[in-house]
């Protein structure tokens, strides 16, 4: 029970930090003068595809947790590996977009948009990476014989964190990619 309380506190504090970053992005993008040229630099279609891989990873982790609760170690390992692969694909997509933006001279220091975009999405990417590191540690522990029967809250706590990261990305994707399109169409 203590593990779940601690992860809820971590998620709560991270949620407040993400809220501040999102509010800063909205202010910089819409209130202080959004630069429409930056909208065209973002690849919303490709990012939507990579976003779907991240969203799907919540489902695959749910399957891993379900297999753990049913004492199915092989299923736990399989679904955990699939979750990690989907997370890595998402990070690869984010890296691809970053390279494209940098090639278009949109960087962390090039404009308010660049600063707020790279800070918000980079901080989220860091959280995905942290989740993947945790999953990697879990994978090693499972291979060494831990988590061979239900009862530990560690898998559930890792799942809470991962689902939080996915929910945050849904909000970030909406604010950064979808709302500017709606704003420009008005």
N, C-alpha and C. Protein backbone atom coordinates (compact mmCIF):
# COMPACT_ATOMS: atom_id res chain seq x y z
N UNK A 1 0.82 -1.19 0.00
CA UNK A 1 0.00 0.00 0.00
C UNK A 1 0.87 1.25 0.00
N UNK A 2 1.98 1.24 0.71
CA UNK A 2 2.85 2.41 0.79
C UNK A 2 3.42 2.77 -0.58
N UNK A 3 3.76 1.75 -1.39
CA UNK A 3 4.27 2.02 -2.73
C UNK A 3 3.26 2.79 -3.56
N UNK A 4 1.99 2.38 -3.48
CA UNK A 4 0.96 3.04 -4.28
C UNK A 4 0.75 4.48 -3.81
N UNK A 5 0.84 4.72 -2.53
CA UNK A 5 0.71 6.09 -2.02
C UNK A 5 1.86 6.94 -2.52
N UNK A 6 3.05 6.40 -2.50
CA UNK A 6 4.22 7.16 -2.95
C UNK A 6 4.13 7.48 -4.45
N UNK A 7 3.74 6.51 -5.26
CA UNK A 7 3.67 6.78 -6.70
C UNK A 7 2.56 7.78 -7.00
N UNK A 8 1.48 7.75 -6.22
CA UNK A 8 0.42 8.75 -6.40
C UNK A 8 0.93 10.14 -6.06
N UNK A 9 1.76 10.26 -5.04
CA UNK A 9 2.36 11.55 -4.70
C UNK A 9 3.30 12.03 -5.81
N UNK A 10 4.10 11.12 -6.34
CA UNK A 10 5.01 11.46 -7.44
C UNK A 10 4.19 11.92 -8.65
N UNK A 11 3.16 11.17 -8.99
CA UNK A 11 2.32 11.52 -10.13
C UNK A 11 1.64 12.88 -9.90
N UNK A 12 1.19 13.12 -8.69
CA UNK A 12 0.56 14.40 -8.37
C UNK A 12 1.51 15.58 -8.57
N UNK A 13 2.73 15.44 -8.05
CA UNK A 13 3.68 16.55 -8.20
C UNK A 13 4.10 16.72 -9.66
N UNK A 14 4.29 15.61 -10.37
CA UNK A 14 4.64 15.70 -11.79
C UNK A 14 3.48 16.30 -12.58
N UNK A 15 2.27 15.96 -12.20
CA UNK A 15 1.09 16.52 -12.87
C UNK A 15 1.05 18.03 -12.74
N UNK A 16 1.37 18.54 -11.56
CA UNK A 16 1.40 19.99 -11.34
C UNK A 16 2.49 20.63 -12.20
N UNK A 17 3.64 19.98 -12.28
CA UNK A 17 4.73 20.52 -13.09
C UNK A 17 4.33 20.54 -14.57
N UNK A 18 3.73 19.44 -15.06
CA UNK A 18 3.29 19.41 -16.45
C UNK A 18 2.21 20.46 -16.71
N UNK A 19 1.32 20.67 -15.76
CA UNK A 19 0.30 21.69 -15.90
C UNK A 19 0.95 23.06 -16.08
N UNK A 20 1.98 23.34 -15.30
CA UNK A 20 2.69 24.62 -15.43
C UNK A 20 3.35 24.74 -16.80
N UNK A 21 3.97 23.66 -17.28
CA UNK A 21 4.60 23.70 -18.61
C UNK A 21 3.57 23.89 -19.72
N UNK A 22 2.44 23.22 -19.59
CA UNK A 22 1.38 23.35 -20.59
C UNK A 22 0.82 24.77 -20.59
N UNK A 23 0.60 25.33 -19.40
CA UNK A 23 0.11 26.70 -19.31
C UNK A 23 1.12 27.68 -19.91
N UNK A 24 2.40 27.44 -19.67
CA UNK A 24 3.43 28.30 -20.26
C UNK A 24 3.41 28.20 -21.78
N UNK A 25 3.25 26.99 -22.31
CA UNK A 25 3.19 26.81 -23.76
C UNK A 25 1.99 27.56 -24.33
N UNK A 26 0.83 27.39 -23.70
CA UNK A 26 -0.38 28.07 -24.18
C UNK A 26 -0.18 29.57 -24.17
N UNK A 27 0.39 30.09 -23.10
CA UNK A 27 0.63 31.53 -23.03
C UNK A 27 1.58 31.98 -24.13
N UNK A 28 2.68 31.29 -24.26
CA UNK A 28 3.68 31.69 -25.25
C UNK A 28 3.17 31.51 -26.67
N UNK A 29 2.39 30.45 -26.89
CA UNK A 29 1.94 30.16 -28.24
C UNK A 29 0.76 31.01 -28.67
N UNK A 30 -0.17 31.24 -27.76
CA UNK A 30 -1.42 31.90 -28.17
C UNK A 30 -1.56 33.33 -27.66
N UNK A 31 -1.04 33.63 -26.51
CA UNK A 31 -1.24 34.95 -25.92
C UNK A 31 -0.15 35.91 -26.36
N UNK A 32 1.09 35.48 -26.32
CA UNK A 32 2.18 36.41 -26.61
C UNK A 32 2.57 36.44 -28.09
N UNK A 33 1.81 35.81 -28.91
CA UNK A 33 2.07 35.91 -30.35
C UNK A 33 2.55 34.62 -30.97
N UNK A 34 1.62 33.77 -31.35
CA UNK A 34 1.96 32.50 -31.98
C UNK A 34 2.54 32.75 -33.36
N UNK A 35 3.55 32.03 -33.70
CA UNK A 35 4.19 32.16 -35.00
C UNK A 35 3.65 31.06 -35.92
N UNK A 36 2.72 31.40 -36.83
CA UNK A 36 2.09 30.37 -37.67
C UNK A 36 3.07 29.54 -38.49
N UNK A 37 4.22 30.09 -38.81
CA UNK A 37 5.21 29.33 -39.59
C UNK A 37 5.65 28.08 -38.83
N UNK A 38 5.66 28.16 -37.51
CA UNK A 38 6.07 27.00 -36.72
C UNK A 38 5.05 25.87 -36.80
N UNK A 39 3.78 26.22 -36.99
CA UNK A 39 2.73 25.20 -37.12
C UNK A 39 3.04 24.29 -38.31
N UNK A 40 3.48 24.87 -39.39
CA UNK A 40 3.77 24.09 -40.60
C UNK A 40 5.02 23.23 -40.44
N UNK A 41 5.86 23.58 -39.50
CA UNK A 41 7.08 22.80 -39.27
C UNK A 41 6.78 21.52 -38.51
N UNK A 42 5.67 21.50 -37.76
CA UNK A 42 5.30 20.30 -37.00
C UNK A 42 4.62 19.30 -37.92
N UNK A 43 4.96 18.05 -37.75
CA UNK A 43 4.37 17.00 -38.56
C UNK A 43 3.28 16.30 -37.75
N UNK A 44 2.08 16.87 -37.79
CA UNK A 44 0.99 16.36 -36.95
C UNK A 44 0.61 14.93 -37.33
N UNK A 45 0.64 14.59 -38.61
CA UNK A 45 0.24 13.24 -39.02
C UNK A 45 1.23 12.19 -38.51
N UNK A 46 2.51 12.42 -38.69
CA UNK A 46 3.51 11.47 -38.22
C UNK A 46 3.51 11.40 -36.69
N UNK A 47 3.37 12.56 -36.06
CA UNK A 47 3.33 12.56 -34.60
C UNK A 47 2.09 11.83 -34.09
N UNK A 48 0.99 11.92 -34.81
CA UNK A 48 -0.22 11.18 -34.43
C UNK A 48 0.04 9.67 -34.48
N UNK A 49 0.78 9.23 -35.48
CA UNK A 49 1.11 7.80 -35.59
C UNK A 49 1.97 7.37 -34.41
N UNK A 50 3.00 8.15 -34.11
CA UNK A 50 3.87 7.80 -32.99
C UNK A 50 3.12 7.92 -31.66
N UNK A 51 2.19 8.85 -31.59
CA UNK A 51 1.36 8.97 -30.39
C UNK A 51 0.52 7.71 -30.19
N UNK A 52 0.01 7.17 -31.27
CA UNK A 52 -0.78 5.93 -31.17
C UNK A 52 0.05 4.78 -30.61
N UNK A 53 1.35 4.76 -30.95
CA UNK A 53 2.19 3.69 -30.38
C UNK A 53 2.30 3.87 -28.87
N UNK A 54 2.41 5.12 -28.42
CA UNK A 54 2.49 5.35 -26.98
C UNK A 54 1.17 4.99 -26.31
N UNK A 55 0.05 5.39 -26.92
CA UNK A 55 -1.25 5.06 -26.34
C UNK A 55 -1.46 3.54 -26.30
N UNK A 56 -1.02 2.87 -27.36
CA UNK A 56 -1.15 1.40 -27.39
C UNK A 56 -0.32 0.76 -26.29
N UNK A 57 0.79 1.41 -25.92
CA UNK A 57 1.65 0.84 -24.89
C UNK A 57 0.97 0.79 -23.53
N UNK A 58 -0.03 1.63 -23.31
CA UNK A 58 -0.81 1.51 -22.07
C UNK A 58 -1.59 0.20 -22.07
N UNK A 59 -2.12 -0.15 -23.24
CA UNK A 59 -2.84 -1.42 -23.35
C UNK A 59 -1.92 -2.61 -23.19
N UNK A 60 -0.74 -2.53 -23.76
CA UNK A 60 0.18 -3.66 -23.64
C UNK A 60 0.69 -3.79 -22.21
N UNK A 61 0.88 -2.65 -21.52
CA UNK A 61 1.29 -2.76 -20.13
C UNK A 61 0.16 -3.33 -19.27
N UNK A 62 -1.07 -2.94 -19.59
CA UNK A 62 -2.22 -3.51 -18.89
C UNK A 62 -2.23 -5.03 -19.05
N UNK A 63 -1.89 -5.50 -20.26
CA UNK A 63 -1.81 -6.96 -20.50
C UNK A 63 -0.68 -7.57 -19.68
N UNK A 64 0.45 -6.88 -19.57
CA UNK A 64 1.56 -7.38 -18.76
C UNK A 64 1.12 -7.52 -17.31
N UNK A 65 0.45 -6.50 -16.81
CA UNK A 65 -0.01 -6.52 -15.42
C UNK A 65 -1.05 -7.62 -15.20
N UNK A 66 -1.93 -7.79 -16.16
CA UNK A 66 -2.95 -8.84 -16.07
C UNK A 66 -2.28 -10.22 -16.02
N UNK A 67 -1.27 -10.43 -16.86
CA UNK A 67 -0.55 -11.70 -16.85
C UNK A 67 0.19 -11.90 -15.54
N UNK A 68 0.75 -10.84 -14.99
CA UNK A 68 1.42 -10.94 -13.68
C UNK A 68 0.42 -11.37 -12.61
N UNK A 69 -0.74 -10.74 -12.59
CA UNK A 69 -1.76 -11.07 -11.59
C UNK A 69 -2.30 -12.49 -11.74
N UNK A 70 -2.16 -13.06 -12.95
CA UNK A 70 -2.58 -14.45 -13.21
C UNK A 70 -1.42 -15.43 -13.12
N UNK A 71 -0.30 -14.98 -12.56
CA UNK A 71 0.90 -15.80 -12.38
C UNK A 71 1.46 -16.34 -13.70
N UNK A 72 1.30 -15.58 -14.77
CA UNK A 72 1.80 -15.98 -16.08
C UNK A 72 3.07 -15.17 -16.37
N UNK A 73 4.19 -15.72 -15.96
CA UNK A 73 5.48 -15.02 -16.08
C UNK A 73 5.85 -14.78 -17.55
N UNK A 74 5.60 -15.76 -18.41
CA UNK A 74 5.92 -15.62 -19.82
C UNK A 74 5.10 -14.49 -20.44
N UNK A 75 3.81 -14.44 -20.11
CA UNK A 75 2.96 -13.36 -20.62
C UNK A 75 3.42 -12.00 -20.11
N UNK A 76 3.79 -11.96 -18.84
CA UNK A 76 4.31 -10.72 -18.25
C UNK A 76 5.53 -10.24 -19.03
N UNK A 77 6.47 -11.14 -19.27
CA UNK A 77 7.69 -10.80 -20.01
C UNK A 77 7.37 -10.33 -21.43
N UNK A 78 6.50 -11.07 -22.10
CA UNK A 78 6.16 -10.74 -23.49
C UNK A 78 5.54 -9.35 -23.59
N UNK A 79 4.52 -9.09 -22.78
CA UNK A 79 3.82 -7.82 -22.87
C UNK A 79 4.68 -6.66 -22.36
N UNK A 80 5.55 -6.92 -21.41
CA UNK A 80 6.46 -5.88 -20.95
C UNK A 80 7.43 -5.50 -22.08
N UNK A 81 7.93 -6.50 -22.79
CA UNK A 81 8.83 -6.23 -23.92
C UNK A 81 8.11 -5.47 -25.04
N UNK A 82 6.87 -5.84 -25.32
CA UNK A 82 6.09 -5.11 -26.34
C UNK A 82 5.89 -3.66 -25.90
N UNK A 83 5.59 -3.46 -24.62
CA UNK A 83 5.42 -2.10 -24.09
C UNK A 83 6.69 -1.29 -24.27
N UNK A 84 7.82 -1.90 -23.96
CA UNK A 84 9.10 -1.21 -24.11
C UNK A 84 9.38 -0.87 -25.57
N UNK A 85 9.08 -1.79 -26.47
CA UNK A 85 9.28 -1.55 -27.89
C UNK A 85 8.42 -0.36 -28.36
N UNK A 86 7.16 -0.33 -27.95
CA UNK A 86 6.28 0.78 -28.34
C UNK A 86 6.78 2.11 -27.77
N UNK A 87 7.27 2.09 -26.55
CA UNK A 87 7.84 3.30 -25.95
C UNK A 87 9.07 3.77 -26.71
N UNK A 88 9.91 2.83 -27.11
CA UNK A 88 11.11 3.18 -27.89
C UNK A 88 10.74 3.74 -29.26
N UNK A 89 9.70 3.18 -29.88
CA UNK A 89 9.24 3.70 -31.17
C UNK A 89 8.77 5.15 -31.01
N UNK A 90 8.03 5.41 -29.93
CA UNK A 90 7.58 6.78 -29.67
C UNK A 90 8.77 7.72 -29.53
N UNK A 91 9.76 7.32 -28.73
CA UNK A 91 10.95 8.18 -28.55
C UNK A 91 11.69 8.38 -29.87
N UNK A 92 11.74 7.34 -30.68
CA UNK A 92 12.37 7.46 -32.01
C UNK A 92 11.63 8.48 -32.87
N UNK A 93 10.30 8.47 -32.79
CA UNK A 93 9.51 9.44 -33.53
C UNK A 93 9.76 10.85 -33.03
N UNK A 94 9.89 11.00 -31.73
CA UNK A 94 10.16 12.32 -31.16
C UNK A 94 11.55 12.80 -31.61
N UNK A 95 12.53 11.92 -31.60
CA UNK A 95 13.88 12.28 -32.06
C UNK A 95 13.86 12.69 -33.54
N UNK A 96 13.08 11.95 -34.33
CA UNK A 96 12.95 12.26 -35.76
C UNK A 96 12.38 13.67 -35.94
N UNK A 97 11.36 13.99 -35.17
CA UNK A 97 10.76 15.32 -35.28
C UNK A 97 11.74 16.41 -34.83
N UNK A 98 12.46 16.15 -33.75
CA UNK A 98 13.43 17.12 -33.26
C UNK A 98 14.49 17.41 -34.32
N UNK A 99 14.99 16.38 -34.96
CA UNK A 99 16.00 16.57 -36.01
C UNK A 99 15.43 17.41 -37.15
N UNK A 100 14.18 17.11 -37.55
CA UNK A 100 13.54 17.89 -38.60
C UNK A 100 13.38 19.36 -38.23
N UNK A 101 12.99 19.61 -36.98
CA UNK A 101 12.82 21.00 -36.54
C UNK A 101 14.16 21.73 -36.47
N UNK A 102 15.16 21.04 -35.97
CA UNK A 102 16.49 21.66 -35.90
C UNK A 102 17.00 21.98 -37.30
N UNK A 103 16.74 21.09 -38.25
CA UNK A 103 17.13 21.36 -39.64
C UNK A 103 16.39 22.55 -40.22
N UNK A 104 15.21 22.86 -39.69
CA UNK A 104 14.44 24.04 -40.11
C UNK A 104 14.76 25.25 -39.24
N UNK A 105 15.81 25.12 -38.45
CA UNK A 105 16.31 26.18 -37.56
C UNK A 105 15.30 26.57 -36.48
N UNK A 106 14.50 25.62 -36.06
CA UNK A 106 13.64 25.81 -34.89
C UNK A 106 14.32 25.05 -33.76
N UNK A 107 14.87 25.80 -32.82
CA UNK A 107 15.63 25.20 -31.72
C UNK A 107 15.11 25.73 -30.39
N UNK A 108 15.70 25.23 -29.35
CA UNK A 108 15.34 25.65 -27.99
C UNK A 108 15.52 27.16 -27.82
N UNK A 109 16.49 27.73 -28.49
CA UNK A 109 16.79 29.16 -28.30
C UNK A 109 16.38 30.04 -29.49
N UNK A 110 15.70 29.48 -30.48
CA UNK A 110 15.39 30.27 -31.67
C UNK A 110 14.17 31.18 -31.52
N UNK A 111 13.23 30.80 -30.63
CA UNK A 111 12.00 31.58 -30.49
C UNK A 111 11.27 31.12 -29.23
N UNK A 112 10.24 31.87 -28.87
CA UNK A 112 9.39 31.44 -27.76
C UNK A 112 8.76 30.09 -28.06
N UNK A 113 8.35 29.91 -29.30
CA UNK A 113 7.77 28.62 -29.68
C UNK A 113 8.78 27.51 -29.46
N UNK A 114 9.98 27.68 -29.97
CA UNK A 114 11.01 26.65 -29.82
C UNK A 114 11.30 26.34 -28.37
N UNK A 115 11.42 27.38 -27.57
CA UNK A 115 11.69 27.19 -26.15
C UNK A 115 10.58 26.41 -25.47
N UNK A 116 9.34 26.84 -25.69
CA UNK A 116 8.22 26.18 -25.01
C UNK A 116 7.97 24.78 -25.58
N UNK A 117 8.12 24.61 -26.89
CA UNK A 117 7.90 23.30 -27.51
C UNK A 117 8.92 22.27 -27.03
N UNK A 118 10.20 22.61 -27.13
CA UNK A 118 11.23 21.65 -26.74
C UNK A 118 11.23 21.37 -25.24
N UNK A 119 10.90 22.38 -24.44
CA UNK A 119 10.84 22.16 -23.00
C UNK A 119 9.71 21.21 -22.64
N UNK A 120 8.52 21.48 -23.16
CA UNK A 120 7.36 20.65 -22.83
C UNK A 120 7.50 19.24 -23.37
N UNK A 121 7.79 19.11 -24.66
CA UNK A 121 7.87 17.76 -25.24
C UNK A 121 9.13 17.02 -24.77
N UNK A 122 10.20 17.76 -24.52
CA UNK A 122 11.43 17.12 -24.02
C UNK A 122 11.25 16.60 -22.61
N UNK A 123 10.56 17.37 -21.78
CA UNK A 123 10.30 16.91 -20.41
C UNK A 123 9.42 15.66 -20.44
N UNK A 124 8.46 15.64 -21.34
CA UNK A 124 7.64 14.43 -21.47
C UNK A 124 8.49 13.26 -21.96
N UNK A 125 9.32 13.51 -22.96
CA UNK A 125 10.20 12.45 -23.46
C UNK A 125 11.10 11.89 -22.38
N UNK A 126 11.57 12.76 -21.49
CA UNK A 126 12.37 12.32 -20.35
C UNK A 126 11.56 11.36 -19.47
N UNK A 127 10.29 11.66 -19.29
CA UNK A 127 9.44 10.77 -18.48
C UNK A 127 9.22 9.42 -19.16
N UNK A 128 9.11 9.43 -20.48
CA UNK A 128 9.01 8.16 -21.21
C UNK A 128 10.30 7.37 -21.01
N UNK A 129 11.44 8.03 -21.14
CA UNK A 129 12.73 7.37 -20.96
C UNK A 129 12.86 6.79 -19.55
N UNK A 130 12.45 7.56 -18.54
CA UNK A 130 12.49 7.05 -17.15
C UNK A 130 11.62 5.81 -17.02
N UNK A 131 10.43 5.85 -17.62
CA UNK A 131 9.56 4.67 -17.59
C UNK A 131 10.22 3.47 -18.24
N UNK A 132 10.89 3.69 -19.36
CA UNK A 132 11.57 2.58 -20.05
C UNK A 132 12.72 2.03 -19.22
N UNK A 133 13.41 2.89 -18.51
CA UNK A 133 14.49 2.43 -17.62
C UNK A 133 13.90 1.57 -16.50
N UNK A 134 12.81 2.03 -15.92
CA UNK A 134 12.14 1.24 -14.87
C UNK A 134 11.71 -0.11 -15.43
N UNK A 135 11.13 -0.11 -16.64
CA UNK A 135 10.73 -1.37 -17.25
C UNK A 135 11.93 -2.27 -17.52
N UNK A 136 13.05 -1.68 -17.92
CA UNK A 136 14.26 -2.47 -18.13
C UNK A 136 14.74 -3.12 -16.84
N UNK A 137 14.68 -2.38 -15.75
CA UNK A 137 15.05 -2.94 -14.44
C UNK A 137 14.09 -4.07 -14.07
N UNK A 138 12.79 -3.82 -14.28
CA UNK A 138 11.80 -4.88 -14.00
C UNK A 138 12.08 -6.12 -14.85
N UNK A 139 12.39 -5.91 -16.11
CA UNK A 139 12.67 -7.02 -17.01
C UNK A 139 13.83 -7.88 -16.49
N UNK A 140 14.90 -7.22 -16.07
CA UNK A 140 16.05 -7.96 -15.52
C UNK A 140 15.63 -8.72 -14.26
N UNK A 141 14.89 -8.05 -13.37
CA UNK A 141 14.45 -8.71 -12.14
C UNK A 141 13.55 -9.90 -12.43
N UNK A 142 12.68 -9.76 -13.42
CA UNK A 142 11.80 -10.89 -13.79
C UNK A 142 12.64 -12.04 -14.32
N UNK A 143 13.61 -11.73 -15.16
CA UNK A 143 14.48 -12.77 -15.71
C UNK A 143 15.31 -13.45 -14.62
N UNK A 144 15.58 -12.72 -13.54
CA UNK A 144 16.34 -13.29 -12.42
C UNK A 144 15.45 -14.07 -11.45
N UNK A 145 14.14 -14.10 -11.72
CA UNK A 145 13.24 -14.91 -10.91
C UNK A 145 12.31 -14.15 -10.00
N UNK A 146 12.43 -12.84 -9.93
CA UNK A 146 11.48 -12.07 -9.12
C UNK A 146 10.14 -11.98 -9.86
N UNK A 147 9.13 -11.59 -9.13
CA UNK A 147 7.79 -11.41 -9.67
C UNK A 147 7.25 -12.69 -10.29
N UNK A 148 7.56 -13.82 -9.65
CA UNK A 148 7.08 -15.11 -10.16
C UNK A 148 5.69 -15.46 -9.64
N UNK A 149 5.16 -14.64 -8.74
CA UNK A 149 3.78 -14.82 -8.27
C UNK A 149 3.22 -13.45 -7.87
N UNK A 150 1.92 -13.29 -7.99
CA UNK A 150 1.30 -11.99 -7.67
C UNK A 150 1.51 -11.63 -6.20
N UNK A 151 1.37 -10.36 -5.93
CA UNK A 151 1.46 -9.91 -4.55
C UNK A 151 2.23 -8.62 -4.39
N UNK A 152 3.15 -8.36 -5.30
CA UNK A 152 3.93 -7.14 -5.21
C UNK A 152 3.15 -5.99 -5.85
N UNK A 153 3.29 -4.80 -5.29
CA UNK A 153 2.63 -3.63 -5.87
C UNK A 153 3.54 -2.91 -6.87
N UNK A 154 4.74 -3.40 -7.07
CA UNK A 154 5.70 -2.73 -7.94
C UNK A 154 5.19 -2.65 -9.38
N UNK A 155 4.64 -3.74 -9.88
CA UNK A 155 4.13 -3.76 -11.25
C UNK A 155 2.98 -2.75 -11.38
N UNK A 156 2.08 -2.74 -10.42
CA UNK A 156 0.95 -1.80 -10.45
C UNK A 156 1.44 -0.36 -10.39
N UNK A 157 2.45 -0.10 -9.58
CA UNK A 157 2.99 1.27 -9.47
C UNK A 157 3.65 1.70 -10.78
N UNK A 158 4.40 0.79 -11.40
CA UNK A 158 5.00 1.10 -12.70
C UNK A 158 3.90 1.40 -13.72
N UNK A 159 2.82 0.64 -13.64
CA UNK A 159 1.69 0.87 -14.54
C UNK A 159 1.03 2.22 -14.32
N UNK A 160 0.84 2.61 -13.06
CA UNK A 160 0.25 3.92 -12.78
C UNK A 160 1.10 5.03 -13.40
N UNK A 161 2.41 4.92 -13.23
CA UNK A 161 3.31 5.92 -13.79
C UNK A 161 3.19 5.95 -15.31
N UNK A 162 3.21 4.77 -15.94
CA UNK A 162 3.18 4.70 -17.40
C UNK A 162 1.87 5.25 -17.96
N UNK A 163 0.76 4.91 -17.32
CA UNK A 163 -0.53 5.42 -17.78
C UNK A 163 -0.59 6.94 -17.61
N UNK A 164 0.00 7.46 -16.53
CA UNK A 164 0.09 8.90 -16.33
C UNK A 164 0.85 9.55 -17.48
N UNK A 165 1.99 8.97 -17.85
CA UNK A 165 2.80 9.51 -18.94
C UNK A 165 1.99 9.52 -20.24
N UNK A 166 1.21 8.49 -20.48
CA UNK A 166 0.38 8.44 -21.68
C UNK A 166 -0.72 9.49 -21.65
N UNK A 167 -1.37 9.66 -20.51
CA UNK A 167 -2.43 10.67 -20.38
C UNK A 167 -1.86 12.06 -20.58
N UNK A 168 -0.69 12.31 -20.00
CA UNK A 168 -0.05 13.62 -20.19
C UNK A 168 0.21 13.86 -21.67
N UNK A 169 0.68 12.82 -22.39
CA UNK A 169 0.95 13.02 -23.82
C UNK A 169 -0.35 13.33 -24.58
N UNK A 170 -1.45 12.74 -24.20
CA UNK A 170 -2.72 13.04 -24.85
C UNK A 170 -3.02 14.54 -24.72
N UNK A 171 -2.81 15.09 -23.54
CA UNK A 171 -3.03 16.52 -23.32
C UNK A 171 -2.01 17.34 -24.10
N UNK A 172 -0.74 16.96 -24.03
CA UNK A 172 0.31 17.70 -24.75
C UNK A 172 0.05 17.67 -26.26
N UNK A 173 -0.26 16.52 -26.79
CA UNK A 173 -0.54 16.39 -28.23
C UNK A 173 -1.70 17.30 -28.63
N UNK A 174 -2.74 17.30 -27.81
CA UNK A 174 -3.90 18.14 -28.10
C UNK A 174 -3.53 19.62 -28.09
N UNK A 175 -2.80 20.04 -27.06
CA UNK A 175 -2.45 21.45 -26.90
C UNK A 175 -1.43 21.90 -27.95
N UNK A 176 -0.42 21.09 -28.20
CA UNK A 176 0.67 21.50 -29.07
C UNK A 176 0.35 21.30 -30.55
N UNK A 177 -0.33 20.22 -30.90
CA UNK A 177 -0.55 19.89 -32.31
C UNK A 177 -1.96 20.19 -32.80
N UNK A 178 -2.97 19.86 -32.00
CA UNK A 178 -4.35 19.98 -32.48
C UNK A 178 -4.90 21.39 -32.31
N UNK A 179 -4.79 21.98 -31.12
CA UNK A 179 -5.34 23.31 -30.89
C UNK A 179 -4.77 24.38 -31.82
N UNK A 180 -3.46 24.37 -32.11
CA UNK A 180 -2.97 25.38 -33.06
C UNK A 180 -3.60 25.26 -34.46
N UNK A 181 -3.89 24.05 -34.89
CA UNK A 181 -4.55 23.87 -36.18
C UNK A 181 -5.95 24.48 -36.13
N UNK A 182 -6.66 24.22 -35.04
CA UNK A 182 -8.00 24.79 -34.87
C UNK A 182 -7.90 26.32 -34.79
N UNK A 183 -6.88 26.82 -34.08
CA UNK A 183 -6.68 28.27 -33.94
C UNK A 183 -6.43 28.93 -35.29
N UNK A 184 -5.62 28.30 -36.12
CA UNK A 184 -5.28 28.86 -37.44
C UNK A 184 -6.49 28.80 -38.36
N UNK A 185 -7.32 27.76 -38.24
CA UNK A 185 -8.48 27.62 -39.11
C UNK A 185 -9.57 28.64 -38.82
N UNK A 186 -9.53 29.23 -37.62
CA UNK A 186 -10.57 30.22 -37.25
C UNK A 186 -10.46 31.47 -38.05
